[in-house]
Amino acid sequence: MRSLSFTLLTALLFVIALFLLLVYNEISGCKKSTIVSAIVATIVSIIPPMFYRSGIDRKIVMVVHIVLVTIASHFLSVVWAEIHYGICKTKGEKDMVLVYASVVVIAYAMSTVVGHFMKRKEKDTEMQRMDLS
C-alpha cells in the first residue's frame, strides 16, 4: 500500500506542477495575481514531510506541515478566484484556464488525502526463526 500511495502522490505532484505552469503561462501578465505565491507555497508545503523521521519533534513538523498546506490551498483557491471573477485576464479561453486551475486545486486536495495513507513501516514485534516456519 505504501508504494502505491507514493506512486499516486508522485503522479499528483506532477499533475499539479504541470497545470500550475499552464495557469502561470496564461495569467503571467497579470500584476494582481498570486500565482507566484501559490507556486512557492505549494513547493514549500512539500518539504516538511521529509523531516518526519528526523530528530525534530514530530508534532512540530506536523503543525508546520498543516499550516503550510493550508496556506498553499488558500493561494491555489485565490488563483482560481482571480480567473473566475476576471481579476486576471487570460491569454486564451477563460473557461479552459479555469479547468486548469480547478485541476490544480482538486489534485492538491487529493495529494493531501493520498499523503495520509503513507504511514511509517510497522516494526516486527515478534522475532521468528526461519527454521521453525
C-alpha atoms as a PDB file:
ATOM      1  CA  MET A   1       0.000   0.000   0.000  1.00  0.00           C
ATOM      2  CA  ARG A   2       2.869   2.334   0.793  1.00  0.00           C
ATOM      3  CA  SER A   3       4.438   2.107  -2.668  1.00  0.00           C
ATOM      4  CA  LEU A   4       1.034   2.622  -4.321  1.00  0.00           C
ATOM      5  CA  SER A   5       0.494   5.735  -2.203  1.00  0.00           C
ATOM      6  CA  PHE A   6       3.946   7.007  -3.110  1.00  0.00           C
ATOM      7  CA  THR A   7       3.288   6.410  -6.818  1.00  0.00           C
ATOM      8  CA  LEU A   8      -0.082   8.187  -6.668  1.00  0.00           C
ATOM      9  CA  LEU A   9       1.414  11.080  -4.722  1.00  0.00           C
ATOM     10  CA  THR A  10       4.229  11.457  -7.246  1.00  0.00           C
ATOM     11  CA  ALA A  11       1.748  11.426 -10.145  1.00  0.00           C
ATOM     12  CA  LEU A  12      -0.462  14.013  -8.423  1.00  0.00           C
ATOM     13  CA  LEU A  13       2.507  16.287  -7.728  1.00  0.00           C
ATOM     14  CA  PHE A  14       3.494  16.016 -11.384  1.00  0.00           C
ATOM     15  CA  VAL A  15      -0.064  16.951 -12.448  1.00  0.00           C
ATOM     16  CA  ILE A  16      -0.056  19.877 -10.014  1.00  0.00           C
ATOM     17  CA  ALA A  17       3.272  21.159 -11.350  1.00  0.00           C
ATOM     18  CA  LEU A  18       2.210  20.780 -14.974  1.00  0.00           C
ATOM     19  CA  PHE A  19      -1.127  22.528 -14.592  1.00  0.00           C
ATOM     20  CA  LEU A  20       0.315  25.256 -12.366  1.00  0.00           C
ATOM     21  CA  LEU A  21       2.758  26.035 -15.153  1.00  0.00           C
ATOM     22  CA  LEU A  22      -0.112  26.129 -17.657  1.00  0.00           C
ATOM     23  CA  VAL A  23      -2.047  28.538 -15.428  1.00  0.00           C
ATOM     24  CA  TYR A  24       1.071  30.659 -14.911  1.00  0.00           C
ATOM     25  CA  ASN A  25       1.591  30.826 -18.671  1.00  0.00           C
ATOM     26  CA  GLU A  26      -1.986  32.040 -19.167  1.00  0.00           C
ATOM     27  CA  ILE A  27      -2.042  34.750 -16.482  1.00  0.00           C
ATOM     28  CA  SER A  28       1.634  35.710 -16.125  1.00  0.00           C
ATOM     29  CA  GLY A  29       0.927  39.235 -17.390  1.00  0.00           C
ATOM     30  CA  CYS A  30      -1.464  39.978 -14.530  1.00  0.00           C
ATOM     31  CA  LYS A  31       0.104  42.233 -11.916  1.00  0.00           C
ATOM     32  CA  LYS A  32      -2.514  41.430  -9.242  1.00  0.00           C
ATOM     33  CA  SER A  33      -2.171  37.654  -9.440  1.00  0.00           C
ATOM     34  CA  THR A  34      -0.995  35.465  -6.584  1.00  0.00           C
ATOM     35  CA  ILE A  35       0.165  32.702  -8.932  1.00  0.00           C
ATOM     36  CA  VAL A  36       3.827  33.041  -7.941  1.00  0.00           C
ATOM     37  CA  SER A  37       2.867  32.887  -4.258  1.00  0.00           C
ATOM     38  CA  ALA A  38       0.776  29.802  -4.987  1.00  0.00           C
ATOM     39  CA  ILE A  39       3.675  28.078  -6.738  1.00  0.00           C
ATOM     40  CA  VAL A  40       6.114  28.911  -3.942  1.00  0.00           C
ATOM     41  CA  ALA A  41       3.652  27.879  -1.209  1.00  0.00           C
ATOM     42  CA  THR A  42       2.960  24.589  -2.980  1.00  0.00           C
ATOM     43  CA  ILE A  43       6.654  23.767  -3.271  1.00  0.00           C
ATOM     44  CA  VAL A  44       7.354  24.759   0.342  1.00  0.00           C
ATOM     45  CA  SER A  45       4.412  22.679   1.608  1.00  0.00           C
ATOM     46  CA  ILE A  46       6.021  19.540   0.201  1.00  0.00           C
ATOM     47  CA  ILE A  47       9.176  19.934   2.312  1.00  0.00           C
ATOM     48  CA  PRO A  48       8.011  19.215   5.933  1.00  0.00           C
ATOM     49  CA  PRO A  49       7.066  15.538   5.397  1.00  0.00           C
ATOM     50  CA  MET A  50      10.716  14.896   4.620  1.00  0.00           C
ATOM     51  CA  PHE A  51      11.501  15.694   8.264  1.00  0.00           C
ATOM     52  CA  TYR A  52       9.019  13.325   9.929  1.00  0.00           C
ATOM     53  CA  ARG A  53      11.746  10.752  10.591  1.00  0.00           C
ATOM     54  CA  SER A  54      14.471  13.249  11.501  1.00  0.00           C
ATOM     55  CA  GLY A  55      15.452  14.271  15.012  1.00  0.00           C
ATOM     56  CA  ILE A  56      12.961  17.148  15.055  1.00  0.00           C
ATOM     57  CA  ASP A  57       9.891  16.624  17.231  1.00  0.00           C
ATOM     58  CA  ARG A  58       7.191  15.015  15.081  1.00  0.00           C
ATOM     59  CA  LYS A  59       4.424  17.242  16.458  1.00  0.00           C
ATOM     60  CA  ILE A  60       6.277  20.409  15.457  1.00  0.00           C
ATOM     61  CA  VAL A  61       6.836  19.091  11.948  1.00  0.00           C
ATOM     62  CA  MET A  62       3.162  18.108  11.756  1.00  0.00           C
ATOM     63  CA  VAL A  63       1.948  21.570  12.800  1.00  0.00           C
ATOM     64  CA  VAL A  64       4.284  23.300  10.332  1.00  0.00           C
ATOM     65  CA  HIS A  65       3.112  20.930   7.596  1.00  0.00           C
ATOM     66  CA  ILE A  66      -0.581  21.583   8.329  1.00  0.00           C
ATOM     67  CA  VAL A  67      -0.041  25.355   8.315  1.00  0.00           C
ATOM     68  CA  LEU A  68       1.901  25.282   5.031  1.00  0.00           C
ATOM     69  CA  VAL A  69      -0.652  23.031   3.318  1.00  0.00           C
ATOM     70  CA  THR A  70      -3.452  25.347   4.438  1.00  0.00           C
ATOM     71  CA  ILE A  71      -1.608  28.396   3.094  1.00  0.00           C
ATOM     72  CA  ALA A  72      -0.865  26.662  -0.222  1.00  0.00           C
ATOM     73  CA  SER A  73      -4.514  25.572  -0.557  1.00  0.00           C
ATOM     74  CA  HIS A  74      -5.611  29.136   0.093  1.00  0.00           C
ATOM     75  CA  PHE A  75      -3.302  30.588  -2.562  1.00  0.00           C
ATOM     76  CA  LEU A  76      -4.360  27.972  -5.122  1.00  0.00           C
ATOM     77  CA  SER A  77      -8.014  28.806  -4.466  1.00  0.00           C
ATOM     78  CA  VAL A  78      -7.291  32.541  -4.731  1.00  0.00           C
ATOM     79  CA  VAL A  79      -5.704  31.991  -8.145  1.00  0.00           C
ATOM     80  CA  TRP A  80      -8.846  30.144  -9.234  1.00  0.00           C
ATOM     81  CA  ALA A  81     -10.992  33.028  -7.958  1.00  0.00           C
ATOM     82  CA  GLU A  82      -8.829  35.617  -9.746  1.00  0.00           C
ATOM     83  CA  ILE A  83      -9.503  33.845 -13.015  1.00  0.00           C
ATOM     84  CA  HIS A  84     -13.186  33.214 -12.346  1.00  0.00           C
ATOM     85  CA  TYR A  85     -14.012  36.779 -11.340  1.00  0.00           C
ATOM     86  CA  GLY A  86     -11.935  38.315 -14.123  1.00  0.00           C
ATOM     87  CA  ILE A  87      -9.344  39.986 -11.903  1.00  0.00           C
ATOM     88  CA  CYS A  88      -6.696  38.461 -14.133  1.00  0.00           C
ATOM     89  CA  LYS A  89      -7.325  38.349 -17.842  1.00  0.00           C
ATOM     90  CA  THR A  90      -6.224  35.168 -19.571  1.00  0.00           C
ATOM     91  CA  LYS A  91      -4.308  34.921 -22.814  1.00  0.00           C
ATOM     92  CA  GLY A  92      -6.530  32.109 -24.036  1.00  0.00           C
ATOM     93  CA  GLU A  93     -10.053  30.983 -23.336  1.00  0.00           C
ATOM     94  CA  LYS A  94     -11.078  31.775 -19.751  1.00  0.00           C
ATOM     95  CA  ASP A  95     -13.039  28.548 -19.280  1.00  0.00           C
ATOM     96  CA  MET A  96     -10.039  26.409 -20.239  1.00  0.00           C
ATOM     97  CA  VAL A  97      -7.796  28.238 -17.777  1.00  0.00           C
ATOM     98  CA  LEU A  98     -10.470  27.715 -15.111  1.00  0.00           C
ATOM     99  CA  VAL A  99     -10.329  23.996 -15.851  1.00  0.00           C
ATOM    100  CA  TYR A 100      -6.530  24.091 -15.410  1.00  0.00           C
ATOM    101  CA  ALA A 101      -6.877  25.923 -12.090  1.00  0.00           C
ATOM    102  CA  SER A 102      -9.611  23.522 -10.963  1.00  0.00           C
ATOM    103  CA  VAL A 103      -7.403  20.532 -11.759  1.00  0.00           C
ATOM    104  CA  VAL A 104      -4.662  22.070  -9.619  1.00  0.00           C
ATOM    105  CA  VAL A 105      -6.969  22.700  -6.653  1.00  0.00           C
ATOM    106  CA  ILE A 106      -8.509  19.219  -6.821  1.00  0.00           C
ATOM    107  CA  ALA A 107      -5.198  17.425  -7.397  1.00  0.00           C
ATOM    108  CA  TYR A 108      -3.654  19.276  -4.449  1.00  0.00           C
ATOM    109  CA  ALA A 109      -6.544  18.242  -2.204  1.00  0.00           C
ATOM    110  CA  MET A 110      -6.223  14.656  -3.454  1.00  0.00           C
ATOM    111  CA  SER A 111      -2.477  14.690  -2.739  1.00  0.00           C
ATOM    112  CA  THR A 112      -3.297  15.630   0.838  1.00  0.00           C
ATOM    113  CA  VAL A 113      -5.589  12.618   1.126  1.00  0.00           C
ATOM    114  CA  VAL A 114      -3.121  10.239  -0.538  1.00  0.00           C
ATOM    115  CA  GLY A 115      -0.315  11.558   1.673  1.00  0.00           C
ATOM    116  CA  HIS A 116      -2.218  10.422   4.750  1.00  0.00           C
ATOM    117  CA  PHE A 117      -2.066   6.824   3.542  1.00  0.00           C
ATOM    118  CA  MET A 118       1.726   6.953   3.681  1.00  0.00           C
ATOM    119  CA  LYS A 119       2.417   5.684   7.150  1.00  0.00           C
ATOM    120  CA  ARG A 120       5.684   4.606   8.630  1.00  0.00           C
ATOM    121  CA  LYS A 121       6.678   0.986   8.374  1.00  0.00           C
ATOM    122  CA  GLU A 122       5.359  -1.166  11.163  1.00  0.00           C
ATOM    123  CA  LYS A 123       8.017  -2.769  13.295  1.00  0.00           C
ATOM    124  CA  ASP A 124       8.003  -6.529  13.771  1.00  0.00           C
ATOM    125  CA  THR A 125       7.496  -7.076  17.471  1.00  0.00           C
ATOM    126  CA  GLU A 126       7.905 -10.828  17.253  1.00  0.00           C
ATOM    127  CA  MET A 127      11.109 -12.472  16.298  1.00  0.00           C
ATOM    128  CA  GLN A 128      10.587 -15.517  14.137  1.00  0.00           C
ATOM    129  CA  ARG A 129      13.010 -18.299  13.429  1.00  0.00           C
ATOM    130  CA  MET A 130      13.182 -19.252   9.801  1.00  0.00           C
ATOM    131  CA  ASP A 131      13.885 -22.918  10.543  1.00  0.00           C
ATOM    132  CA  LEU A 132      10.629 -23.269  12.519  1.00  0.00           C
ATOM    133  CA  SER A 133       8.341 -21.836   9.860  1.00  0.00           C
END
